[in-house]
Amino acid sequence: MTSDIINVISAKRIKDYVIRIEFDDGTYQEVDFGPFLMHALHPEIRAYLKPELFSTFRIEHGELLWGDYDLCFPITDLYRNQIDKHTHVETAA
């Protein structure tokens, strides 16, 4: 029986905002979080542009996260290496 749940089992920062992530099915992704952080409008998210803060990620319960879930991405997005969706905030006219 195979599991439909994918977990992160290791993560290593390889440069700037790029983390090499290993999943429990043996798949690896090199995810660049830089564009996501640079496009973020919220100052608490942009704070992770500081290298010393960005480097504080950890794996907990198969998820990659920072702080008290300050940053946490859906496993599917990490697995597909599609975290930067260029979401734009629209303002009312």
Foldseek 3Di string as FASTA:
>chain_A
DDDPDKFWDDWDDDDQQWIWTAIPVGDIDTARCVVVLVLDPDVLSVVCSPVVQVVQWDGDPRWIAGDPNSDTDPPVCVRVNNDCPVDDDDDDD
